[in-house]
Amino acid sequence: MPPAGPRLLSGAMMVREDGLVLLVQHPAASPFAGKWSMPLTGVPDHETAEDALERMLRDALHVEPGEYDFLDTIYANAVTSGERFIVNAFTCIDWTGEPRFGSEAYADAAWVSPGAPGGLDLLPEVREWLKTAFEEE
């Protein structure tokens, strides 16, 4: 049974100089199994959303965080359990290193245009959000 309230997540909308963003496919053990979104991590009670973002960038994507700004809040649901999530999405425009990850973190990753992510099976809430979040660009 899912918890009564939504869980808090931090999301990294990593934007390269060419305007492409990093999207990842969540592994089978994830609440978002098989779906694509920006990299996400849980925010435990002892961390702020910013601390969790920096931890994810360092530990899951193996980059050194640089400049980032709060971008938006996205409400998402788990693929099968119905668990609810509140995602604090941050725009990351500066980091050191090339993102890389292990299969325990993500099943796959791709740099895509935020306005045209192709045939990726995105989380529905992320697909809708991407349609409006980057429409001026």
Protein backbone atom coordinates (compact mmCIF):
# COMPACT_ATOMS: atom_id res chain seq x y z
CA MET A 1 0.00 0.00 0.00
CA PRO A 2 1.46 3.40 -0.95
CA PRO A 3 2.07 5.95 1.81
CA ALA A 4 -0.70 8.47 2.47
CA GLY A 5 1.28 11.49 1.33
CA PRO A 6 3.44 12.06 -1.72
CA ARG A 7 7.20 11.46 -1.55
CA LEU A 8 9.58 14.29 -2.36
CA LEU A 9 12.08 13.89 -5.21
CA SER A 10 14.74 16.13 -6.75
CA GLY A 11 15.15 16.15 -10.51
CA ALA A 12 18.09 17.36 -12.60
CA MET A 13 17.20 18.93 -15.93
CA MET A 14 20.77 18.92 -17.22
CA VAL A 15 21.02 21.29 -20.19
CA ARG A 16 24.09 21.18 -22.46
CA GLU A 17 25.43 24.20 -24.34
CA ASP A 18 23.73 22.90 -27.52
CA GLY A 19 20.34 22.93 -25.74
CA LEU A 20 19.96 19.16 -25.44
CA VAL A 21 18.82 17.74 -22.09
CA LEU A 22 19.71 14.47 -20.40
CA LEU A 23 16.83 12.03 -20.01
CA VAL A 24 17.19 8.64 -18.32
CA GLN A 25 15.26 5.39 -18.39
CA HIS A 26 14.38 4.10 -14.94
CA PRO A 27 15.36 0.51 -14.06
CA ALA A 28 12.85 -2.27 -13.37
CA ALA A 29 13.14 -1.86 -9.58
CA SER A 30 12.10 1.81 -9.75
CA PRO A 31 8.56 3.14 -9.15
CA PHE A 32 8.91 4.52 -12.70
CA ALA A 33 10.12 1.21 -14.20
CA GLY A 34 10.89 1.46 -17.91
CA LYS A 35 9.78 5.07 -18.22
CA TRP A 36 12.03 8.00 -19.12
CA SER A 37 12.40 11.31 -17.28
CA MET A 38 15.11 13.63 -16.07
CA PRO A 39 17.39 11.98 -13.48
CA LEU A 40 15.51 11.72 -10.16
CA THR A 41 16.43 10.96 -6.58
CA GLY A 42 14.55 10.76 -3.30
CA VAL A 43 14.91 13.50 -0.71
CA PRO A 44 15.32 11.94 2.74
CA ASP A 45 14.18 13.87 5.82
CA HIS A 46 17.77 14.83 6.70
CA GLU A 47 18.46 16.49 3.31
CA THR A 48 17.21 19.52 1.46
CA ALA A 49 16.09 19.16 -2.16
CA GLU A 50 19.32 20.92 -3.18
CA ASP A 51 21.47 18.54 -1.09
CA ALA A 52 19.72 15.55 -2.70
CA LEU A 53 20.28 17.05 -6.17
CA GLU A 54 24.00 17.47 -5.52
CA ARG A 55 24.24 13.93 -4.08
CA MET A 56 22.58 12.49 -7.17
CA LEU A 57 24.82 14.44 -9.54
CA ARG A 58 27.93 13.20 -7.71
CA ASP A 59 26.93 9.64 -6.77
CA ALA A 60 24.58 8.52 -9.56
CA LEU A 61 25.83 10.58 -12.54
CA HIS A 62 29.47 11.03 -11.47
CA VAL A 63 29.70 14.75 -12.28
CA GLU A 64 30.70 17.63 -10.03
CA PRO A 65 27.72 19.98 -9.58
CA GLY A 66 28.00 23.52 -10.86
CA GLU A 67 25.38 26.21 -11.24
CA TYR A 68 21.73 25.18 -10.90
CA ASP A 69 18.41 26.92 -10.27
CA PHE A 70 14.98 25.75 -9.15
CA LEU A 71 12.88 25.35 -12.29
CA ASP A 72 9.47 23.94 -11.44
CA THR A 73 7.42 21.46 -9.41
CA ILE A 74 6.08 18.38 -11.17
CA TYR A 75 3.52 15.99 -9.68
CA ALA A 76 4.03 12.38 -10.81
CA ASN A 77 2.63 8.94 -10.10
CA ALA A 78 4.38 5.58 -9.93
CA VAL A 79 3.85 3.35 -12.93
CA THR A 80 2.04 0.51 -11.13
CA SER A 81 1.66 1.21 -7.41
CA GLY A 82 -0.16 4.53 -7.58
CA GLU A 83 2.40 6.07 -5.21
CA ARG A 84 2.50 9.85 -5.62
CA PHE A 85 5.58 12.04 -5.93
CA ILE A 86 6.39 15.74 -5.83
CA VAL A 87 9.43 16.47 -8.01
CA ASN A 88 11.44 19.63 -7.42
CA ALA A 89 13.03 20.07 -10.84
CA PHE A 90 16.27 22.04 -11.07
CA THR A 91 17.91 23.36 -14.24
CA CYS A 92 21.57 22.36 -14.21
CA ILE A 93 23.56 24.35 -16.77
CA ASP A 94 27.07 23.87 -15.47
CA TRP A 95 28.81 20.76 -14.18
CA THR A 96 32.22 19.19 -14.46
CA GLY A 97 32.62 15.79 -16.11
CA GLU A 98 30.62 13.68 -18.52
CA PRO A 99 27.55 12.03 -16.96
CA ARG A 100 27.88 8.27 -16.58
CA PHE A 101 25.88 5.81 -14.52
CA GLY A 102 25.54 2.19 -13.48
CA SER A 103 22.56 -0.05 -14.22
CA GLU A 104 21.44 0.20 -10.59
CA ALA A 105 20.81 3.92 -11.14
CA TYR A 106 19.37 4.00 -14.68
CA ALA A 107 18.73 1.51 -17.48
CA ASP A 108 19.67 3.94 -20.28
CA ALA A 109 20.22 7.62 -21.01
CA ALA A 110 20.03 9.97 -24.00
CA TRP A 111 20.66 13.62 -24.81
CA VAL A 112 17.53 14.90 -26.57
CA SER A 113 15.80 18.11 -27.55
CA PRO A 114 13.35 18.96 -24.74
CA GLY A 115 10.75 20.01 -27.30
CA ALA A 116 11.12 16.82 -29.34
CA PRO A 117 12.20 13.87 -27.15
CA GLY A 118 11.46 11.42 -29.96
CA GLY A 119 9.89 8.05 -29.27
CA LEU A 120 11.06 7.79 -25.66
CA ASP A 121 8.41 6.31 -23.36
CA LEU A 122 8.34 9.30 -21.00
CA LEU A 123 6.48 9.49 -17.73
CA PRO A 124 3.16 11.07 -18.80
CA GLU A 125 3.58 13.95 -16.34
CA VAL A 126 7.08 14.67 -17.64
CA ARG A 127 5.93 14.54 -21.28
CA GLU A 128 3.21 17.12 -20.55
CA TRP A 129 5.61 19.27 -18.55
CA LEU A 130 8.27 19.26 -21.29
CA LYS A 131 5.68 20.54 -23.80
CA THR A 132 5.37 23.78 -21.84
CA ALA A 133 8.62 24.13 -19.85
CA PHE A 134 10.82 24.74 -22.88
CA GLU A 135 8.34 26.13 -25.43
CA GLU A 136 10.03 29.56 -25.57
CA GLU A 137 13.37 27.98 -26.54
